[in-house]
PDB file of N, CA and C in Angstrom:
ATOM      1  N   MET A   1       0.833  -1.184   0.000  1.00  0.00           N
ATOM      2  CA  MET A   1       0.000   0.000   0.000  1.00  0.00           C
ATOM      3  C   MET A   1       0.876   1.244   0.000  1.00  0.00           C
ATOM      4  N   SER A   2       0.394   2.278  -0.642  1.00  0.00           N
ATOM      5  CA  SER A   2       1.114   3.546  -0.617  1.00  0.00           C
ATOM      6  C   SER A   2       0.958   4.175   0.755  1.00  0.00           C
ATOM      7  N   GLY A   3       1.779   5.182   1.029  1.00  0.00           N
ATOM      8  CA  GLY A   3       1.728   5.843   2.330  1.00  0.00           C
ATOM      9  C   GLY A   3       0.363   6.414   2.649  1.00  0.00           C
ATOM     10  N   SER A   4      -0.260   7.069   1.672  1.00  0.00           N
ATOM     11  CA  SER A   4      -1.568   7.682   1.892  1.00  0.00           C
ATOM     12  C   SER A   4      -2.645   6.631   2.141  1.00  0.00           C
ATOM     13  N   VAL A   5      -2.611   5.566   1.358  1.00  0.00           N
ATOM     14  CA  VAL A   5      -3.605   4.494   1.516  1.00  0.00           C
ATOM     15  C   VAL A   5      -3.426   3.825   2.877  1.00  0.00           C
ATOM     16  N   SER A   6      -2.186   3.560   3.260  1.00  0.00           N
ATOM     17  CA  SER A   6      -1.915   2.942   4.563  1.00  0.00           C
ATOM     18  C   SER A   6      -2.389   3.834   5.701  1.00  0.00           C
ATOM     19  N   TYR A   7      -2.113   5.134   5.574  1.00  0.00           N
ATOM     20  CA  TYR A   7      -2.522   6.086   6.607  1.00  0.00           C
ATOM     21  C   TYR A   7      -4.039   6.040   6.796  1.00  0.00           C
ATOM     22  N   HIS A   8      -4.775   6.124   5.692  1.00  0.00           N
ATOM     23  CA  HIS A   8      -6.240   6.144   5.785  1.00  0.00           C
ATOM     24  C   HIS A   8      -6.807   4.799   6.233  1.00  0.00           C
ATOM     25  N   ALA A   9      -6.198   3.701   5.808  1.00  0.00           N
ATOM     26  CA  ALA A   9      -6.643   2.380   6.253  1.00  0.00           C
ATOM     27  C   ALA A   9      -6.427   2.233   7.758  1.00  0.00           C
ATOM     28  N   GLY A  10      -5.273   2.697   8.233  1.00  0.00           N
ATOM     29  CA  GLY A  10      -4.986   2.634   9.663  1.00  0.00           C
ATOM     30  C   GLY A  10      -5.920   3.520  10.477  1.00  0.00           C
ATOM     31  N   PHE A  11      -6.184   4.714   9.972  1.00  0.00           N
ATOM     32  CA  PHE A  11      -7.085   5.633  10.664  1.00  0.00           C
ATOM     33  C   PHE A  11      -8.495   5.045  10.734  1.00  0.00           C
ATOM     34  N   SER A  12      -8.934   4.430   9.642  1.00  0.00           N
ATOM     35  CA  SER A  12     -10.250   3.790   9.607  1.00  0.00           C
ATOM     36  C   SER A  12     -10.323   2.632  10.607  1.00  0.00           C
ATOM     37  N   ALA A  13      -9.274   1.812  10.646  1.00  0.00           N
ATOM     38  CA  ALA A  13      -9.234   0.684  11.585  1.00  0.00           C
ATOM     39  C   ALA A  13      -9.274   1.187  13.027  1.00  0.00           C
ATOM     40  N   GLU A  14      -8.553   2.261  13.311  1.00  0.00           N
ATOM     41  CA  GLU A  14      -8.572   2.834  14.655  1.00  0.00           C
ATOM     42  C   GLU A  14      -9.979   3.308  15.020  1.00  0.00           C
ATOM     43  N   GLY A  15     -10.670   3.907  14.069  1.00  0.00           N
ATOM     44  CA  GLY A  15     -12.044   4.345  14.318  1.00  0.00           C
ATOM     45  C   GLY A  15     -12.963   3.180  14.627  1.00  0.00           C
ATOM     46  N   GLN A  16     -12.811   2.082  13.880  1.00  0.00           N
ATOM     47  CA  GLN A  16     -13.613   0.876  14.131  1.00  0.00           C
ATOM     48  C   GLN A  16     -13.370   0.355  15.544  1.00  0.00           C
ATOM     49  N   VAL A  17     -12.100   0.285  15.911  1.00  0.00           N
ATOM     50  CA  VAL A  17     -11.733  -0.239  17.231  1.00  0.00           C
ATOM     51  C   VAL A  17     -12.246   0.695  18.330  1.00  0.00           C
ATOM     52  N   ALA A  18     -12.109   1.998  18.134  1.00  0.00           N
ATOM     53  CA  ALA A  18     -12.598   2.961  19.134  1.00  0.00           C
ATOM     54  C   ALA A  18     -14.101   2.788  19.344  1.00  0.00           C
ATOM     55  N   ARG A  19     -14.848   2.645  18.253  1.00  0.00           N
ATOM     56  CA  ARG A  19     -16.308   2.449  18.379  1.00  0.00           C
ATOM     57  C   ARG A  19     -16.629   1.144  19.094  1.00  0.00           C
ATOM     58  N   ASP A  20     -15.847   0.091  18.855  1.00  0.00           N
ATOM     59  CA  ASP A  20     -16.049  -1.183  19.544  1.00  0.00           C
ATOM     60  C   ASP A  20     -15.859  -1.015  21.052  1.00  0.00           C
ATOM     61  N   TYR A  21     -14.797  -0.346  21.448  1.00  0.00           N
ATOM     62  CA  TYR A  21     -14.558  -0.103  22.869  1.00  0.00           C
ATOM     63  C   TYR A  21     -15.662   0.783  23.459  1.00  0.00           C
ATOM     64  N   GLN A  22     -16.064   1.811  22.733  1.00  0.00           N
ATOM     65  CA  GLN A  22     -17.109   2.707  23.236  1.00  0.00           C
ATOM     66  C   GLN A  22     -18.421   1.958  23.449  1.00  0.00           C
ATOM     67  N   ARG A  23     -18.758   1.039  22.561  1.00  0.00           N
ATOM     68  CA  ARG A  23     -19.978   0.222  22.735  1.00  0.00           C
ATOM     69  C   ARG A  23     -19.900  -0.609  24.010  1.00  0.00           C
ATOM     70  N   ARG A  24     -18.673  -0.939  24.410  1.00  0.00           N
ATOM     71  CA  ARG A  24     -18.482  -1.746  25.617  1.00  0.00           C
ATOM     72  C   ARG A  24     -18.258  -0.889  26.858  1.00  0.00           C
ATOM     73  N   GLY A  25     -18.442   0.438  26.728  1.00  0.00           N
ATOM     74  CA  GLY A  25     -18.409   1.309  27.893  1.00  0.00           C
ATOM     75  C   GLY A  25     -17.092   1.993  28.186  1.00  0.00           C
ATOM     76  N   PHE A  26     -16.175   1.995  27.244  1.00  0.00           N
ATOM     77  CA  PHE A  26     -14.890   2.662  27.427  1.00  0.00           C
ATOM     78  C   PHE A  26     -14.898   3.979  26.638  1.00  0.00           C
ATOM     79  N   PRO A  27     -14.959   5.117  27.295  1.00  0.00           N
ATOM     80  CA  PRO A  27     -14.935   6.390  26.570  1.00  0.00           C
ATOM     81  C   PRO A  27     -13.570   6.647  25.911  1.00  0.00           C
ATOM     82  N   LEU A  28     -13.610   7.248  24.738  1.00  0.00           N
ATOM     83  CA  LEU A  28     -12.389   7.619  24.024  1.00  0.00           C
ATOM     84  C   LEU A  28     -11.802   8.871  24.666  1.00  0.00           C
ATOM     85  N   VAL A  29     -10.524   8.801  25.018  1.00  0.00           N
ATOM     86  CA  VAL A  29      -9.819   9.942  25.586  1.00  0.00           C
ATOM     87  C   VAL A  29      -9.008  10.636  24.484  1.00  0.00           C
ATOM     88  N   GLN A  30      -8.256   9.855  23.721  1.00  0.00           N
ATOM     89  CA  GLN A  30      -7.409  10.393  22.659  1.00  0.00           C
ATOM     90  C   GLN A  30      -7.271   9.376  21.530  1.00  0.00           C
ATOM     91  N   GLN A  31      -7.202   9.878  20.313  1.00  0.00           N
ATOM     92  CA  GLN A  31      -6.840   9.053  19.163  1.00  0.00           C
ATOM     93  C   GLN A  31      -5.553   9.627  18.601  1.00  0.00           C
ATOM     94  N   ARG A  32      -4.593   8.764  18.375  1.00  0.00           N
ATOM     95  CA  ARG A  32      -3.268   9.147  17.875  1.00  0.00           C
ATOM     96  C   ARG A  32      -2.597  10.184  18.777  1.00  0.00           C
ATOM     97  N   TRP A  33      -2.568   9.870  20.078  1.00  0.00           N
ATOM     98  CA  TRP A  33      -1.888  10.748  21.027  1.00  0.00           C
ATOM     99  C   TRP A  33      -0.392  10.667  20.780  1.00  0.00           C
ATOM    100  N   ARG A  34       0.240  11.797  20.627  1.00  0.00           N
ATOM    101  CA  ARG A  34       1.668  11.831  20.318  1.00  0.00           C
ATOM    102  C   ARG A  34       2.440  12.479  21.458  1.00  0.00           C
ATOM    103  N   GLY A  35       3.455  11.749  21.904  1.00  0.00           N
ATOM    104  CA  GLY A  35       4.377  12.266  22.900  1.00  0.00           C
ATOM    105  C   GLY A  35       5.788  12.230  22.344  1.00  0.00           C
ATOM    106  N   LYS A  36       6.750  12.516  23.184  1.00  0.00           N
ATOM    107  CA  LYS A  36       8.151  12.490  22.747  1.00  0.00           C
ATOM    108  C   LYS A  36       8.588  11.085  22.345  1.00  0.00           C
ATOM    109  N   GLY A  37       8.038  10.085  23.017  1.00  0.00           N
ATOM    110  CA  GLY A  37       8.439   8.705  22.763  1.00  0.00           C
ATOM    111  C   GLY A  37       7.795   8.088  21.537  1.00  0.00           C
ATOM    112  N   GLY A  38       6.722   8.667  21.055  1.00  0.00           N
ATOM    113  CA  GLY A  38       6.025   8.106  19.902  1.00  0.00           C
ATOM    114  C   GLY A  38       4.535   8.333  20.006  1.00  0.00           C
ATOM    115  N   GLU A  39       3.796   7.499  19.317  1.00  0.00           N
ATOM    116  CA  GLU A  39       2.353   7.679  19.204  1.00  0.00           C
ATOM    117  C   GLU A  39       1.604   6.490  19.815  1.00  0.00           C
ATOM    118  N   ILE A  40       0.486   6.808  20.452  1.00  0.00           N
ATOM    119  CA  ILE A  40      -0.427   5.782  20.956  1.00  0.00           C
ATOM    120  C   ILE A  40      -1.675   5.867  20.084  1.00  0.00           C
ATOM    121  N   ASP A  41      -2.048   4.745  19.460  1.00  0.00           N
ATOM    122  CA  ASP A  41      -3.185   4.766  18.541  1.00  0.00           C
ATOM    123  C   ASP A  41      -4.460   5.223  19.230  1.00  0.00           C
ATOM    124  N   LEU A  42      -4.798   4.572  20.352  1.00  0.00           N
ATOM    125  CA  LEU A  42      -6.022   4.919  21.084  1.00  0.00           C
ATOM    126  C   LEU A  42      -5.752   4.906  22.580  1.00  0.00           C
ATOM    127  N   VAL A  43      -6.331   5.879  23.260  1.00  0.00           N
ATOM    128  CA  VAL A  43      -6.328   5.900  24.731  1.00  0.00           C
ATOM    129  C   VAL A  43      -7.792   5.933  25.139  1.00  0.00           C
ATOM    130  N   MET A  44      -8.219   4.917  25.858  1.00  0.00           N
ATOM    131  CA  MET A  44      -9.598   4.809  26.322  1.00  0.00           C
ATOM    132  C   MET A  44      -9.605   4.888  27.848  1.00  0.00           C
ATOM    133  N   ARG A  45     -10.693   5.388  28.389  1.00  0.00           N
ATOM    134  CA  ARG A  45     -10.856   5.473  29.840  1.00  0.00           C
ATOM    135  C   ARG A  45     -11.406   4.140  30.338  1.00  0.00           C
ATOM    136  N   ASP A  46     -10.848   3.658  31.436  1.00  0.00           N
ATOM    137  CA  ASP A  46     -11.323   2.436  32.085  1.00  0.00           C
ATOM    138  C   ASP A  46     -11.456   2.737  33.572  1.00  0.00           C
ATOM    139  N   GLY A  47     -12.624   3.247  33.973  1.00  0.00           N
ATOM    140  CA  GLY A  47     -12.821   3.643  35.373  1.00  0.00           C
ATOM    141  C   GLY A  47     -11.884   4.770  35.733  1.00  0.00           C
ATOM    142  N   ASP A  48     -11.018   4.523  36.726  1.00  0.00           N
ATOM    143  CA  ASP A  48     -10.037   5.529  37.147  1.00  0.00           C
ATOM    144  C   ASP A  48      -8.737   5.425  36.352  1.00  0.00           C
ATOM    145  N   GLY A  49      -8.663   4.479  35.426  1.00  0.00           N
ATOM    146  CA  GLY A  49      -7.428   4.252  34.680  1.00  0.00           C
ATOM    147  C   GLY A  49      -7.624   4.386  33.180  1.00  0.00           C
ATOM    148  N   PHE A  50      -6.685   3.812  32.464  1.00  0.00           N
ATOM    149  CA  PHE A  50      -6.672   3.931  31.016  1.00  0.00           C
ATOM    150  C   PHE A  50      -6.338   2.603  30.357  1.00  0.00           C
ATOM    151  N   VAL A  51      -6.795   2.480  29.114  1.00  0.00           N
ATOM    152  CA  VAL A  51      -6.392   1.375  28.250  1.00  0.00           C
ATOM    153  C   VAL A  51      -5.651   2.004  27.077  1.00  0.00           C
ATOM    154  N   PHE A  52      -4.396   1.604  26.889  1.00  0.00           N
ATOM    155  CA  PHE A  52      -3.600   2.039  25.752  1.00  0.00           C
ATOM    156  C   PHE A  52      -3.693   0.948  24.694  1.00  0.00           C
ATOM    157  N   ILE A  53      -4.088   1.332  23.480  1.00  0.00           N
ATOM    158  CA  ILE A  53      -4.385   0.337  22.460  1.00  0.00           C
ATOM    159  C   ILE A  53      -3.534   0.559  21.221  1.00  0.00           C
ATOM    160  N   GLU A  54      -2.843  -0.486  20.824  1.00  0.00           N
ATOM    161  CA  GLU A  54      -2.109  -0.495  19.565  1.00  0.00           C
ATOM    162  C   GLU A  54      -2.986  -1.228  18.553  1.00  0.00           C
ATOM    163  N   VAL A  55      -3.307  -0.569  17.447  1.00  0.00           N
ATOM    164  CA  VAL A  55      -4.167  -1.149  16.415  1.00  0.00           C
ATOM    165  C   VAL A  55      -3.293  -1.600  15.253  1.00  0.00           C
ATOM    166  N   LYS A  56      -3.491  -2.839  14.834  1.00  0.00           N
ATOM    167  CA  LYS A  56      -2.761  -3.389  13.691  1.00  0.00           C
ATOM    168  C   LYS A  56      -3.765  -3.932  12.692  1.00  0.00           C
ATOM    169  N   LYS A  57      -3.610  -3.547  11.428  1.00  0.00           N
ATOM    170  CA  LYS A  57      -4.514  -3.983  10.359  1.00  0.00           C
ATOM    171  C   LYS A  57      -3.713  -4.700   9.288  1.00  0.00           C
ATOM    172  N   SER A  58      -4.256  -5.831   8.845  1.00  0.00           N
ATOM    173  CA  SER A  58      -3.660  -6.574   7.740  1.00  0.00           C
ATOM    174  C   SER A  58      -4.715  -7.525   7.179  1.00  0.00           C
ATOM    175  N   ARG A  59      -4.319  -8.345   6.223  1.00  0.00           N
ATOM    176  CA  ARG A  59      -5.275  -9.272   5.591  1.00  0.00           C
ATOM    177  C   ARG A  59      -5.886 -10.250   6.580  1.00  0.00           C
ATOM    178  N   SER A  60      -5.089 -10.669   7.552  1.00  0.00           N
ATOM    179  CA  SER A  60      -5.580 -11.616   8.566  1.00  0.00           C
ATOM    180  C   SER A  60      -5.134 -11.140   9.934  1.00  0.00           C
ATOM    181  N   HIS A  61      -5.772 -11.664  10.959  1.00  0.00           N
ATOM    182  CA  HIS A  61      -5.378 -11.309  12.324  1.00  0.00           C
ATOM    183  C   HIS A  61      -3.939 -11.748  12.591  1.00  0.00           C
ATOM    184  N   ALA A  62      -3.563 -12.917  12.090  1.00  0.00           N
ATOM    185  CA  ALA A  62      -2.198 -13.414  12.310  1.00  0.00           C
ATOM    186  C   ALA A  62      -1.174 -12.483  11.674  1.00  0.00           C
ATOM    187  N   ARG A  63      -1.444 -12.053  10.442  1.00  0.00           N
ATOM    188  CA  ARG A  63      -0.516 -11.128   9.765  1.00  0.00           C
ATOM    189  C   ARG A  63      -0.462  -9.789  10.497  1.00  0.00           C
ATOM    190  N   ALA A  64      -1.602  -9.333  11.003  1.00  0.00           N
ATOM    191  CA  ALA A  64      -1.630  -8.074  11.747  1.00  0.00           C
ATOM    192  C   ALA A  64      -0.768  -8.192  13.001  1.00  0.00           C
ATOM    193  N   ALA A  65      -0.874  -9.316  13.702  1.00  0.00           N
ATOM    194  CA  ALA A  65      -0.089  -9.524  14.922  1.00  0.00           C
ATOM    195  C   ALA A  65       1.403  -9.540  14.617  1.00  0.00           C
ATOM    196  N   GLU A  66       1.781 -10.100  13.477  1.00  0.00           N
ATOM    197  CA  GLU A  66       3.191 -10.151  13.090  1.00  0.00           C
ATOM    198  C   GLU A  66       3.786  -8.763  12.858  1.00  0.00           C
ATOM    199  N   ARG A  67       2.949  -7.782  12.625  1.00  0.00           N
ATOM    200  CA  ARG A  67       3.417  -6.430  12.319  1.00  0.00           C
ATOM    201  C   ARG A  67       3.792  -5.630  13.563  1.00  0.00           C
ATOM    202  N   LEU A  68       3.561  -6.185  14.744  1.00  0.00           N
ATOM    203  CA  LEU A  68       3.906  -5.494  15.991  1.00  0.00           C
ATOM    204  C   LEU A  68       5.340  -5.845  16.364  1.00  0.00           C
ATOM    205  N   SER A  69       6.206  -4.849  16.337  1.00  0.00           N
ATOM    206  CA  SER A  69       7.626  -5.089  16.600  1.00  0.00           C
ATOM    207  C   SER A  69       7.996  -4.747  18.044  1.00  0.00           C
ATOM    208  N   ALA A  70       9.133  -5.260  18.467  1.00  0.00           N
ATOM    209  CA  ALA A  70       9.644  -4.956  19.805  1.00  0.00           C
ATOM    210  C   ALA A  70       9.910  -3.459  19.928  1.00  0.00           C
ATOM    211  N   ARG A  71      10.377  -2.836  18.879  1.00  0.00           N
ATOM    212  CA  ARG A  71      10.632  -1.384  18.887  1.00  0.00           C
ATOM    213  C   ARG A  71       9.330  -0.618  19.114  1.00  0.00           C
ATOM    214  N   GLN A  72       8.259  -1.025  18.443  1.00  0.00           N
ATOM    215  CA  GLN A  72       6.967  -0.366  18.625  1.00  0.00           C
ATOM    216  C   GLN A  72       6.460  -0.529  20.052  1.00  0.00           C
ATOM    217  N   ILE A  73       6.660  -1.695  20.615  1.00  0.00           N
ATOM    218  CA  ILE A  73       6.226  -1.940  21.998  1.00  0.00           C
ATOM    219  C   ILE A  73       6.978  -1.013  22.953  1.00  0.00           C
ATOM    220  N   ARG A  74       8.289  -0.875  22.772  1.00  0.00           N
ATOM    221  CA  ARG A  74       9.079   0.033  23.620  1.00  0.00           C
ATOM    222  C   ARG A  74       8.580   1.466  23.489  1.00  0.00           C
ATOM    223  N   ARG A  75       8.298   1.886  22.270  1.00  0.00           N
ATOM    224  CA  ARG A  75       7.813   3.250  22.048  1.00  0.00           C
ATOM    225  C   ARG A  75       6.436   3.457  22.683  1.00  0.00           C
ATOM    226  N   LEU A  76       5.604   2.423  22.618  1.00  0.00           N
ATOM    227  CA  LEU A  76       4.280   2.501  23.245  1.00  0.00           C
ATOM    228  C   LEU A  76       4.428   2.660  24.762  1.00  0.00           C
ATOM    229  N   PHE A  77       5.315   1.879  25.371  1.00  0.00           N
ATOM    230  CA  PHE A  77       5.554   1.991  26.811  1.00  0.00           C
ATOM    231  C   PHE A  77       6.093   3.377  27.168  1.00  0.00           C
ATOM    232  N   ASP A  78       7.032   3.879  26.368  1.00  0.00           N
ATOM    233  CA  ASP A  78       7.593   5.211  26.628  1.00  0.00           C
ATOM    234  C   ASP A  78       6.504   6.283  26.533  1.00  0.00           C
ATOM    235  N   SER A  79       5.682   6.191  25.501  1.00  0.00           N
ATOM    236  CA  SER A  79       4.611   7.180  25.310  1.00  0.00           C
ATOM    237  C   SER A  79       3.577   7.090  26.425  1.00  0.00           C
ATOM    238  N   ALA A  80       3.218   5.869  26.810  1.00  0.00           N
ATOM    239  CA  ALA A  80       2.240   5.696  27.885  1.00  0.00           C
ATOM    240  C   ALA A  80       2.787   6.255  29.203  1.00  0.00           C
ATOM    241  N   SER A  81       4.073   6.057  29.462  1.00  0.00           N
ATOM    242  CA  SER A  81       4.681   6.618  30.674  1.00  0.00           C
ATOM    243  C   SER A  81       4.592   8.134  30.656  1.00  0.00           C
ATOM    244  N   GLU A  82       4.845   8.730  29.491  1.00  0.00           N
ATOM    245  CA  GLU A  82       4.742  10.183  29.362  1.00  0.00           C
ATOM    246  C   GLU A  82       3.300  10.641  29.582  1.00  0.00           C
ATOM    247  N   PHE A  83       2.339   9.924  28.987  1.00  0.00           N
ATOM    248  CA  PHE A  83       0.922  10.261  29.157  1.00  0.00           C
ATOM    249  C   PHE A  83       0.527  10.168  30.627  1.00  0.00           C
ATOM    250  N   LEU A  84       0.894   9.069  31.277  1.00  0.00           N
ATOM    251  CA  LEU A  84       0.527   8.870  32.680  1.00  0.00           C
ATOM    252  C   LEU A  84       1.203   9.895  33.587  1.00  0.00           C
ATOM    253  N   GLY A  85       2.346  10.390  33.173  1.00  0.00           N
ATOM    254  CA  GLY A  85       3.037  11.412  33.943  1.00  0.00           C
ATOM    255  C   GLY A  85       2.236  12.693  34.079  1.00  0.00           C
ATOM    256  N   THR A  86       1.244  12.885  33.222  1.00  0.00           N
ATOM    257  CA  THR A  86       0.384  14.074  33.296  1.00  0.00           C
ATOM    258  C   THR A  86      -0.822  13.853  34.206  1.00  0.00           C
ATOM    259  N   CYS A  87      -0.987  12.646  34.704  1.00  0.00           N
ATOM    260  CA  CYS A  87      -2.139  12.309  35.552  1.00  0.00           C
ATOM    261  C   CYS A  87      -1.804  12.575  37.026  1.00  0.00           C
ATOM    262  N   PRO A  88      -2.821  12.848  37.849  1.00  0.00           N
ATOM    263  CA  PRO A  88      -2.562  13.126  39.273  1.00  0.00           C
ATOM    264  C   PRO A  88      -1.792  12.012  39.989  1.00  0.00           C
ATOM    265  N   LEU A  89      -2.070  10.751  39.663  1.00  0.00           N
ATOM    266  CA  LEU A  89      -1.364   9.639  40.307  1.00  0.00           C
ATOM    267  C   LEU A  89      -0.101   9.227  39.554  1.00  0.00           C
ATOM    268  N   GLY A  90       0.180   9.897  38.452  1.00  0.00           N
ATOM    269  CA  GLY A  90       1.376   9.585  37.670  1.00  0.00           C
ATOM    270  C   GLY A  90       1.406   8.135  37.226  1.00  0.00           C
ATOM    271  N   LEU A  91       2.567   7.510  37.381  1.00  0.00           N
ATOM    272  CA  LEU A  91       2.733   6.121  36.950  1.00  0.00           C
ATOM    273  C   LEU A  91       1.997   5.124  37.840  1.00  0.00           C
ATOM    274  N   ASN A  92       1.386   5.606  38.925  1.00  0.00           N
ATOM    275  CA  ASN A  92       0.553   4.745  39.763  1.00  0.00           C
ATOM    276  C   ASN A  92      -0.883   4.664  39.250  1.00  0.00           C
ATOM    277  N   THR A  93      -1.189   5.355  38.164  1.00  0.00           N
ATOM    278  CA  THR A  93      -2.516   5.309  37.556  1.00  0.00           C
ATOM    279  C   THR A  93      -2.735   3.918  36.957  1.00  0.00           C
ATOM    280  N   PRO A  94      -3.876   3.286  37.259  1.00  0.00           N
ATOM    281  CA  PRO A  94      -4.138   1.972  36.661  1.00  0.00           C
ATOM    282  C   PRO A  94      -4.142   2.062  35.132  1.00  0.00           C
ATOM    283  N   ALA A  95      -3.475   1.104  34.498  1.00  0.00           N
ATOM    284  CA  ALA A  95      -3.406   1.094  33.035  1.00  0.00           C
ATOM    285  C   ALA A  95      -3.151  -0.322  32.543  1.00  0.00           C
ATOM    286  N   ARG A  96      -3.591  -0.556  31.311  1.00  0.00           N
ATOM    287  CA  ARG A  96      -3.273  -1.818  30.653  1.00  0.00           C
ATOM    288  C   ARG A  96      -3.007  -1.522  29.187  1.00  0.00           C
ATOM    289  N   PHE A  97      -2.371  -2.480  28.525  1.00  0.00           N
ATOM    290  CA  PHE A  97      -2.013  -2.354  27.118  1.00  0.00           C
ATOM    291  C   PHE A  97      -2.703  -3.462  26.326  1.00  0.00           C
ATOM    292  N   ASP A  98      -3.594  -3.044  25.433  1.00  0.00           N
ATOM    293  CA  ASP A  98      -4.292  -3.993  24.569  1.00  0.00           C
ATOM    294  C   ASP A  98      -3.751  -3.880  23.152  1.00  0.00           C
ATOM    295  N   VAL A  99      -3.883  -4.958  22.406  1.00  0.00           N
ATOM    296  CA  VAL A  99      -3.586  -4.951  20.974  1.00  0.00           C
ATOM    297  C   VAL A  99      -4.883  -5.309  20.267  1.00  0.00           C
ATOM    298  N   ALA A 100      -5.263  -4.484  19.304  1.00  0.00           N
ATOM    299  CA  ALA A 100      -6.469  -4.732  18.510  1.00  0.00           C
ATOM    300  C   ALA A 100      -6.047  -5.088  17.103  1.00  0.00           C
ATOM    301  N   LEU A 101      -6.450  -6.261  16.661  1.00  0.00           N
ATOM    302  CA  LEU A 101      -6.116  -6.754  15.324  1.00  0.00           C
ATOM    303  C   LEU A 101      -7.348  -6.624  14.436  1.00  0.00           C
ATOM    304  N   VAL A 102      -7.166  -6.033  13.259  1.00  0.00           N
ATOM    305  CA  VAL A 102      -8.266  -5.845  12.321  1.00  0.00           C
ATOM    306  C   VAL A 102      -7.874  -6.533  11.022  1.00  0.00           C
ATOM    307  N   ASP A 103      -8.727  -7.469  10.561  1.00  0.00           N
ATOM    308  CA  ASP A 103      -8.407  -8.181   9.326  1.00  0.00           C
ATOM    309  C   ASP A 103      -9.006  -7.467   8.113  1.00  0.00           C
ATOM    310  N   GLY A 104      -8.759  -8.027   6.938  1.00  0.00           N
ATOM    311  CA  GLY A 104      -9.203  -7.428   5.690  1.00  0.00           C
ATOM    312  C   GLY A 104     -10.706  -7.309   5.546  1.00  0.00           C
ATOM    313  N   MET A 105     -11.454  -8.063   6.317  1.00  0.00           N
ATOM    314  CA  MET A 105     -12.919  -8.004   6.289  1.00  0.00           C
ATOM    315  C   MET A 105     -13.462  -7.043   7.350  1.00  0.00           C
ATOM    316  N   GLY A 106     -12.565  -6.452   8.117  1.00  0.00           N
ATOM    317  CA  GLY A 106     -12.988  -5.509   9.154  1.00  0.00           C
ATOM    318  C   GLY A 106     -13.317  -6.153  10.481  1.00  0.00           C
ATOM    319  N   ARG A 107     -13.058  -7.446  10.603  1.00  0.00           N
ATOM    320  CA  ARG A 107     -13.300  -8.123  11.882  1.00  0.00           C
ATOM    321  C   ARG A 107     -12.215  -7.725  12.871  1.00  0.00           C
ATOM    322  N   ILE A 108     -12.625  -7.530  14.108  1.00  0.00           N
ATOM    323  CA  ILE A 108     -11.713  -7.054  15.151  1.00  0.00           C
ATOM    324  C   ILE A 108     -11.499  -8.175  16.164  1.00  0.00           C
ATOM    325  N   GLU A 109     -10.245  -8.389  16.505  1.00  0.00           N
ATOM    326  CA  GLU A 109      -9.880  -9.302  17.586  1.00  0.00           C
ATOM    327  C   GLU A 109      -9.085  -8.486  18.607  1.00  0.00           C
ATOM    328  N   ILE A 110      -9.578  -8.453  19.848  1.00  0.00           N
ATOM    329  CA  ILE A 110      -8.951  -7.685  20.907  1.00  0.00           C
ATOM    330  C   ILE A 110      -8.137  -8.636  21.790  1.00  0.00           C
ATOM    331  N   LEU A 111      -6.874  -8.312  21.970  1.00  0.00           N
ATOM    332  CA  LEU A 111      -6.012  -9.046  22.890  1.00  0.00           C
ATOM    333  C   LEU A 111      -5.823  -8.154  24.107  1.00  0.00           C
ATOM    334  N   GLU A 112      -6.653  -8.379  25.129  1.00  0.00           N
ATOM    335  CA  GLU A 112      -6.616  -7.542  26.332  1.00  0.00           C
ATOM    336  C   GLU A 112      -5.374  -7.827  27.147  1.00  0.00           C
ATOM    337  N   ASN A 113      -4.810  -6.745  27.676  1.00  0.00           N
ATOM    338  CA  ASN A 113      -3.617  -6.853  28.532  1.00  0.00           C
ATOM    339  C   ASN A 113      -2.524  -7.680  27.857  1.00  0.00           C
ATOM    340  N   ALA A 114      -2.375  -7.470  26.553  1.00  0.00           N
ATOM    341  CA  ALA A 114      -1.451  -8.260  25.747  1.00  0.00           C
ATOM    342  C   ALA A 114       0.009  -7.923  25.994  1.00  0.00           C
ATOM    343  N   LEU A 115       0.276  -6.700  26.426  1.00  0.00           N
ATOM    344  CA  LEU A 115       1.652  -6.255  26.619  1.00  0.00           C
ATOM    345  C   LEU A 115       1.867  -5.941  28.079  1.00  0.00           C
ATOM    346  N   CYS A 116       2.896  -6.508  28.649  1.00  0.00           N
ATOM    347  CA  CYS A 116       3.206  -6.248  30.060  1.00  0.00           C
ATOM    348  C   CYS A 116       4.481  -5.425  30.126  1.00  0.00           C
ATOM    349  N   ALA A 117       4.395  -4.310  30.833  1.00  0.00           N
ATOM    350  CA  ALA A 117       5.565  -3.417  30.953  1.00  0.00           C
ATOM    351  C   ALA A 117       6.597  -4.027  31.863  1.00  0.00           C
TER     352      ALA A 117
END
């Protein structure tokens, strides 16, 4: 895919995932939150805490999962630490890291608490 097509496909997948979480009672806090460490695709509210979500889209869920690199995970942790640093409880704020996989048919598979810091 070209850069523009990939950008729009990723943005669309993030929107699908955000709506899925919202239907399940998680309000959207930020989409594509950018800090010094990198970008967080979605930040959702979970009670007093947050869910940081990395969205991956590909032809299949397995291929989407393969696209998550160790470097991206480190950047996600760095960005989440920066985000939490702005909260009253700082890094003591409850948080989890989910991975949302979106296949070519638009089906979503959520891997809750998939990444452990």
